Amino acid sequence: METKHRCAWCEKDDLYRNYHDNEWGKPVYDDKTIFEFLILETFQAGLSWYTVLAKRENFRKAFDDFDWNTIAHYSEVKMAELAEDSGIIRNKLKIKATVTNAQAFLKVQEEFGTFSKYIWGFVDGKPIDNQPKNLGEVKATTEISDKLSRDLKKRGFKFVGSTVVYAHMQATGMVNDHVMNCLTRK
């Protein structure tokens, strides 16, 4: 019988291990968590996920617990305040994109009823289990993430390239990229 381990990427510390064991790759269907991960993933673009994860609680406070209705109406003053908040990633373009993405999120909800219904439609409502044998088999993008990225951009979302979108799909369990001998695969 093969020994169970965690996916190697998460062995940095307990913060990473806890995220891996309890969140990453677990299907998420509620708009609140989907939006949170969407925003966190857009801030991650060009940085390490660990950097974002370590600041996650600060992001929650700074961005009104990821309330897209509130964020969609942020003023220039509020965005300037966020750009001075050392608890988050102070990238002005990403802060502005968060407001833009909240506005686009609302439009998708209006059209589909929930953002979850929209985004999960790209995988027919159920997770894709890639069953990688090792991390080398885990892709950074797929045809589905390419398609979803293009559609999100068409709908006005920012910082949603295919790599960011695929990371979001992994985080929210739209795809399961836990390696086959990972302890999360009981």
C-alpha atoms as a PDB file:
ATOM      1  CA  MET A   1       0.000   0.000   0.000  1.00  0.00           C
ATOM      2  CA  GLU A   2       1.317   3.432  -0.967  1.00  0.00           C
ATOM      3  CA  THR A   3       2.162   5.846   1.855  1.00  0.00           C
ATOM      4  CA  LYS A   4      -0.006   8.957   1.970  1.00  0.00           C
ATOM      5  CA  HIS A   5       1.668  12.375   1.928  1.00  0.00           C
ATOM      6  CA  ARG A   6       0.558  15.908   1.247  1.00  0.00           C
ATOM      7  CA  CYS A   7       1.152  17.600  -2.071  1.00  0.00           C
ATOM      8  CA  ALA A   8       4.770  18.783  -1.797  1.00  0.00           C
ATOM      9  CA  TRP A   9       3.983  22.458  -2.492  1.00  0.00           C
ATOM     10  CA  CYS A  10       2.279  22.892   0.893  1.00  0.00           C
ATOM     11  CA  GLU A  11       5.018  21.686   3.218  1.00  0.00           C
ATOM     12  CA  LYS A  12       6.414  25.176   3.920  1.00  0.00           C
ATOM     13  CA  ASP A  13       4.583  25.611   7.254  1.00  0.00           C
ATOM     14  CA  ASP A  14       1.318  25.093   9.117  1.00  0.00           C
ATOM     15  CA  LEU A  15      -0.458  27.963   7.332  1.00  0.00           C
ATOM     16  CA  TYR A  16       0.119  26.262   3.991  1.00  0.00           C
ATOM     17  CA  ARG A  17      -0.600  22.765   5.299  1.00  0.00           C
ATOM     18  CA  ASN A  18      -3.874  23.887   6.875  1.00  0.00           C
ATOM     19  CA  TYR A  19      -4.949  25.607   3.655  1.00  0.00           C
ATOM     20  CA  HIS A  20      -4.032  22.510   1.638  1.00  0.00           C
ATOM     21  CA  ASP A  21      -5.753  20.064   3.982  1.00  0.00           C
ATOM     22  CA  ASN A  22      -8.958  22.039   4.569  1.00  0.00           C
ATOM     23  CA  GLU A  23      -9.606  24.251   1.553  1.00  0.00           C
ATOM     24  CA  TRP A  24      -7.571  23.735  -1.603  1.00  0.00           C
ATOM     25  CA  GLY A  25      -9.371  21.556  -4.089  1.00  0.00           C
ATOM     26  CA  LYS A  26     -12.576  21.257  -2.065  1.00  0.00           C
ATOM     27  CA  PRO A  27     -15.619  22.232  -4.162  1.00  0.00           C
ATOM     28  CA  VAL A  28     -17.005  25.669  -3.297  1.00  0.00           C
ATOM     29  CA  TYR A  29     -20.443  26.635  -4.537  1.00  0.00           C
ATOM     30  CA  ASP A  30     -21.253  29.730  -2.477  1.00  0.00           C
ATOM     31  CA  ASP A  31     -20.708  33.103  -4.106  1.00  0.00           C
ATOM     32  CA  LYS A  32     -19.074  34.620  -1.008  1.00  0.00           C
ATOM     33  CA  THR A  33     -16.169  32.174  -0.948  1.00  0.00           C
ATOM     34  CA  ILE A  34     -15.882  32.122  -4.737  1.00  0.00           C
ATOM     35  CA  PHE A  35     -15.601  35.922  -4.756  1.00  0.00           C
ATOM     36  CA  GLU A  36     -13.029  35.886  -1.945  1.00  0.00           C
ATOM     37  CA  PHE A  37     -10.837  33.454  -3.865  1.00  0.00           C
ATOM     38  CA  LEU A  38     -11.300  35.406  -7.087  1.00  0.00           C
ATOM     39  CA  ILE A  39     -10.040  38.574  -5.413  1.00  0.00           C
ATOM     40  CA  LEU A  40      -7.189  36.819  -3.626  1.00  0.00           C
ATOM     41  CA  GLU A  41      -6.113  35.102  -6.839  1.00  0.00           C
ATOM     42  CA  THR A  42      -6.072  38.406  -8.730  1.00  0.00           C
ATOM     43  CA  PHE A  43      -3.799  39.888  -6.063  1.00  0.00           C
ATOM     44  CA  GLN A  44      -1.598  36.813  -6.352  1.00  0.00           C
ATOM     45  CA  ALA A  45      -0.894  37.469 -10.047  1.00  0.00           C
ATOM     46  CA  GLY A  46       2.884  37.744 -10.342  1.00  0.00           C
ATOM     47  CA  LEU A  47       3.452  36.880  -6.673  1.00  0.00           C
ATOM     48  CA  SER A  48       3.470  33.725  -4.599  1.00  0.00           C
ATOM     49  CA  TRP A  49       0.204  32.344  -3.265  1.00  0.00           C
ATOM     50  CA  TYR A  50       1.867  32.129   0.138  1.00  0.00           C
ATOM     51  CA  THR A  51       2.305  35.918   0.183  1.00  0.00           C
ATOM     52  CA  VAL A  52      -1.432  36.375  -0.349  1.00  0.00           C
ATOM     53  CA  LEU A  53      -2.440  33.607   2.040  1.00  0.00           C
ATOM     54  CA  ALA A  54      -0.315  35.132   4.814  1.00  0.00           C
ATOM     55  CA  LYS A  55      -2.206  38.430   4.361  1.00  0.00           C
ATOM     56  CA  ARG A  56      -5.656  36.864   3.934  1.00  0.00           C
ATOM     57  CA  GLU A  57      -7.112  38.147   7.220  1.00  0.00           C
ATOM     58  CA  ASN A  58      -5.828  41.634   6.465  1.00  0.00           C
ATOM     59  CA  PHE A  59      -7.496  41.439   3.050  1.00  0.00           C
ATOM     60  CA  ARG A  60     -10.773  40.432   4.719  1.00  0.00           C
ATOM     61  CA  LYS A  61     -10.668  43.480   6.979  1.00  0.00           C
ATOM     62  CA  ALA A  62      -9.512  45.886   4.294  1.00  0.00           C
ATOM     63  CA  PHE A  63     -12.088  44.715   1.747  1.00  0.00           C
ATOM     64  CA  ASP A  64     -15.156  44.630   3.993  1.00  0.00           C
ATOM     65  CA  ASP A  65     -15.143  40.836   4.381  1.00  0.00           C
ATOM     66  CA  PHE A  66     -15.193  40.552   0.577  1.00  0.00           C
ATOM     67  CA  ASP A  67     -18.681  42.044   0.301  1.00  0.00           C
ATOM     68  CA  TRP A  68     -18.904  42.614  -3.447  1.00  0.00           C
ATOM     69  CA  ASN A  69     -21.898  44.954  -3.068  1.00  0.00           C
ATOM     70  CA  THR A  70     -19.828  47.272  -0.880  1.00  0.00           C
ATOM     71  CA  ILE A  71     -16.640  46.918  -2.914  1.00  0.00           C
ATOM     72  CA  ALA A  72     -18.470  47.710  -6.164  1.00  0.00           C
ATOM     73  CA  HIS A  73     -19.142  51.196  -4.768  1.00  0.00           C
ATOM     74  CA  TYR A  74     -15.696  52.022  -3.376  1.00  0.00           C
ATOM     75  CA  SER A  75     -14.710  55.635  -3.940  1.00  0.00           C
ATOM     76  CA  GLU A  76     -11.370  56.935  -5.149  1.00  0.00           C
ATOM     77  CA  VAL A  77     -10.713  57.956  -1.530  1.00  0.00           C
ATOM     78  CA  LYS A  78     -11.302  54.395  -0.284  1.00  0.00           C
ATOM     79  CA  MET A  79      -9.026  52.980  -3.010  1.00  0.00           C
ATOM     80  CA  ALA A  80      -6.313  55.492  -2.047  1.00  0.00           C
ATOM     81  CA  GLU A  81      -6.641  54.385   1.591  1.00  0.00           C
ATOM     82  CA  LEU A  82      -6.244  50.756   0.532  1.00  0.00           C
ATOM     83  CA  ALA A  83      -3.116  51.673  -1.426  1.00  0.00           C
ATOM     84  CA  GLU A  84      -1.606  52.858   1.890  1.00  0.00           C
ATOM     85  CA  ASP A  85      -2.625  49.722   3.865  1.00  0.00           C
ATOM     86  CA  SER A  86       0.577  47.816   4.624  1.00  0.00           C
ATOM     87  CA  GLY A  87      -1.457  44.751   5.645  1.00  0.00           C
ATOM     88  CA  ILE A  88      -2.379  44.001   2.037  1.00  0.00           C
ATOM     89  CA  ILE A  89      -0.643  44.043  -1.328  1.00  0.00           C
ATOM     90  CA  ARG A  90      -0.694  47.741  -2.201  1.00  0.00           C
ATOM     91  CA  ASN A  91      -0.887  47.489  -5.963  1.00  0.00           C
ATOM     92  CA  LYS A  92      -3.115  50.331  -7.174  1.00  0.00           C
ATOM     93  CA  LEU A  93      -4.043  48.525 -10.393  1.00  0.00           C
ATOM     94  CA  LYS A  94      -5.114  45.414  -8.484  1.00  0.00           C
ATOM     95  CA  ILE A  95      -7.097  47.502  -5.993  1.00  0.00           C
ATOM     96  CA  LYS A  96      -8.918  49.236  -8.853  1.00  0.00           C
ATOM     97  CA  ALA A  97      -9.417  45.834 -10.521  1.00  0.00           C
ATOM     98  CA  THR A  98     -11.059  44.562  -7.325  1.00  0.00           C
ATOM     99  CA  VAL A  99     -13.696  47.282  -7.623  1.00  0.00           C
ATOM    100  CA  THR A 100     -14.145  46.580 -11.333  1.00  0.00           C
ATOM    101  CA  ASN A 101     -14.393  42.849 -10.642  1.00  0.00           C
ATOM    102  CA  ALA A 102     -17.011  43.393  -7.922  1.00  0.00           C
ATOM    103  CA  GLN A 103     -19.080  45.371 -10.430  1.00  0.00           C
ATOM    104  CA  ALA A 104     -18.688  42.653 -13.073  1.00  0.00           C
ATOM    105  CA  PHE A 105     -19.494  39.984 -10.450  1.00  0.00           C
ATOM    106  CA  LEU A 106     -22.811  41.735  -9.770  1.00  0.00           C
ATOM    107  CA  LYS A 107     -23.650  41.754 -13.482  1.00  0.00           C
ATOM    108  CA  VAL A 108     -22.935  38.024 -13.770  1.00  0.00           C
ATOM    109  CA  GLN A 109     -25.168  37.386 -10.752  1.00  0.00           C
ATOM    110  CA  GLU A 110     -27.949  39.388 -12.397  1.00  0.00           C
ATOM    111  CA  GLU A 111     -27.630  37.331 -15.573  1.00  0.00           C
ATOM    112  CA  PHE A 112     -27.223  33.847 -14.049  1.00  0.00           C
ATOM    113  CA  GLY A 113     -28.828  34.173 -10.612  1.00  0.00           C
ATOM    114  CA  THR A 114     -25.530  33.321  -8.901  1.00  0.00           C
ATOM    115  CA  PHE A 115     -21.912  33.641  -9.902  1.00  0.00           C
ATOM    116  CA  SER A 116     -21.501  30.020  -8.834  1.00  0.00           C
ATOM    117  CA  LYS A 117     -23.975  28.854 -11.470  1.00  0.00           C
ATOM    118  CA  TYR A 118     -22.058  30.806 -14.114  1.00  0.00           C
ATOM    119  CA  ILE A 119     -18.544  29.664 -13.217  1.00  0.00           C
ATOM    120  CA  TRP A 120     -19.405  26.026 -12.467  1.00  0.00           C
ATOM    121  CA  GLY A 121     -21.107  25.867 -15.852  1.00  0.00           C
ATOM    122  CA  PHE A 122     -17.636  25.728 -17.399  1.00  0.00           C
ATOM    123  CA  VAL A 123     -17.121  22.276 -15.833  1.00  0.00           C
ATOM    124  CA  ASP A 124     -20.728  21.070 -16.102  1.00  0.00           C
ATOM    125  CA  GLY A 125     -21.287  21.655 -12.386  1.00  0.00           C
ATOM    126  CA  LYS A 126     -18.878  19.012 -11.114  1.00  0.00           C
ATOM    127  CA  PRO A 127     -15.150  18.937 -10.354  1.00  0.00           C
ATOM    128  CA  ILE A 128     -12.664  17.635 -12.882  1.00  0.00           C
ATOM    129  CA  ASP A 129     -10.338  15.145 -11.193  1.00  0.00           C
ATOM    130  CA  ASN A 130      -7.016  15.232 -13.027  1.00  0.00           C
ATOM    131  CA  GLN A 131      -5.420  12.535 -10.825  1.00  0.00           C
ATOM    132  CA  PRO A 132      -1.822  13.730 -11.209  1.00  0.00           C
ATOM    133  CA  LYS A 133       0.836  11.282 -10.063  1.00  0.00           C
ATOM    134  CA  ASN A 134       3.229  14.121  -9.175  1.00  0.00           C
ATOM    135  CA  LEU A 135       3.412  17.910  -9.203  1.00  0.00           C
ATOM    136  CA  GLY A 136       5.098  17.817 -12.597  1.00  0.00           C
ATOM    137  CA  GLU A 137       1.807  16.621 -14.093  1.00  0.00           C
ATOM    138  CA  VAL A 138      -0.152  19.592 -12.689  1.00  0.00           C
ATOM    139  CA  LYS A 139      -0.740  22.156 -15.403  1.00  0.00           C
ATOM    140  CA  ALA A 140      -0.762  25.939 -15.025  1.00  0.00           C
ATOM    141  CA  THR A 141      -3.564  26.391 -17.587  1.00  0.00           C
ATOM    142  CA  THR A 142      -6.021  24.266 -19.530  1.00  0.00           C
ATOM    143  CA  GLU A 143      -8.405  24.766 -22.428  1.00  0.00           C
ATOM    144  CA  ILE A 144     -11.178  25.358 -19.892  1.00  0.00           C
ATOM    145  CA  SER A 145      -9.207  28.000 -17.980  1.00  0.00           C
ATOM    146  CA  ASP A 146      -8.362  29.649 -21.318  1.00  0.00           C
ATOM    147  CA  LYS A 147     -12.054  29.732 -22.245  1.00  0.00           C
ATOM    148  CA  LEU A 148     -13.157  30.950 -18.804  1.00  0.00           C
ATOM    149  CA  SER A 149     -10.446  33.623 -18.786  1.00  0.00           C
ATOM    150  CA  ARG A 150     -11.574  34.938 -22.174  1.00  0.00           C
ATOM    151  CA  ASP A 151     -15.210  35.007 -21.034  1.00  0.00           C
ATOM    152  CA  LEU A 152     -14.403  36.790 -17.774  1.00  0.00           C
ATOM    153  CA  LYS A 153     -12.385  39.409 -19.663  1.00  0.00           C
ATOM    154  CA  LYS A 154     -15.244  39.864 -22.121  1.00  0.00           C
ATOM    155  CA  ARG A 155     -17.486  40.520 -19.107  1.00  0.00           C
ATOM    156  CA  GLY A 156     -15.121  43.233 -17.829  1.00  0.00           C
ATOM    157  CA  PHE A 157     -13.049  41.352 -15.244  1.00  0.00           C
ATOM    158  CA  LYS A 158      -9.386  42.341 -14.782  1.00  0.00           C
ATOM    159  CA  PHE A 159      -6.298  40.326 -13.785  1.00  0.00           C
ATOM    160  CA  VAL A 160      -7.990  37.093 -14.864  1.00  0.00           C
ATOM    161  CA  GLY A 161      -5.470  35.540 -17.210  1.00  0.00           C
ATOM    162  CA  SER A 162      -5.657  31.813 -17.741  1.00  0.00           C
ATOM    163  CA  THR A 163      -3.042  31.029 -15.051  1.00  0.00           C
ATOM    164  CA  VAL A 164      -4.922  33.081 -12.430  1.00  0.00           C
ATOM    165  CA  VAL A 165      -8.208  31.488 -13.496  1.00  0.00           C
ATOM    166  CA  TYR A 166      -6.762  27.985 -13.288  1.00  0.00           C
ATOM    167  CA  ALA A 167      -5.407  28.697  -9.800  1.00  0.00           C
ATOM    168  CA  HIS A 168      -8.914  29.869  -8.870  1.00  0.00           C
ATOM    169  CA  MET A 169     -10.375  26.667 -10.293  1.00  0.00           C
ATOM    170  CA  GLN A 170      -7.942  24.645  -8.171  1.00  0.00           C
ATOM    171  CA  ALA A 171      -8.623  26.671  -5.024  1.00  0.00           C
ATOM    172  CA  THR A 172     -12.397  26.339  -5.349  1.00  0.00           C
ATOM    173  CA  GLY A 173     -12.354  22.664  -6.254  1.00  0.00           C
ATOM    174  CA  MET A 174     -13.523  23.053  -9.842  1.00  0.00           C
ATOM    175  CA  VAL A 175     -10.498  20.885 -10.537  1.00  0.00           C
ATOM    176  CA  ASN A 176      -8.822  18.448  -8.193  1.00  0.00           C
ATOM    177  CA  ASP A 177      -5.070  18.540  -8.672  1.00  0.00           C
ATOM    178  CA  HIS A 178      -4.106  16.806  -5.425  1.00  0.00           C
ATOM    179  CA  VAL A 179      -1.483  14.225  -6.339  1.00  0.00           C
ATOM    180  CA  MET A 180      -2.682  10.626  -6.189  1.00  0.00           C
ATOM    181  CA  ASN A 181      -0.819   9.764  -2.978  1.00  0.00           C
ATOM    182  CA  CYS A 182      -2.033  12.912  -1.173  1.00  0.00           C
ATOM    183  CA  LEU A 183      -3.652  12.296   2.207  1.00  0.00           C
ATOM    184  CA  THR A 184      -6.664  14.359   1.116  1.00  0.00           C
ATOM    185  CA  ARG A 185      -7.528  11.533  -1.276  1.00  0.00           C
ATOM    186  CA  LYS A 186      -8.784   9.189   1.436  1.00  0.00           C
END
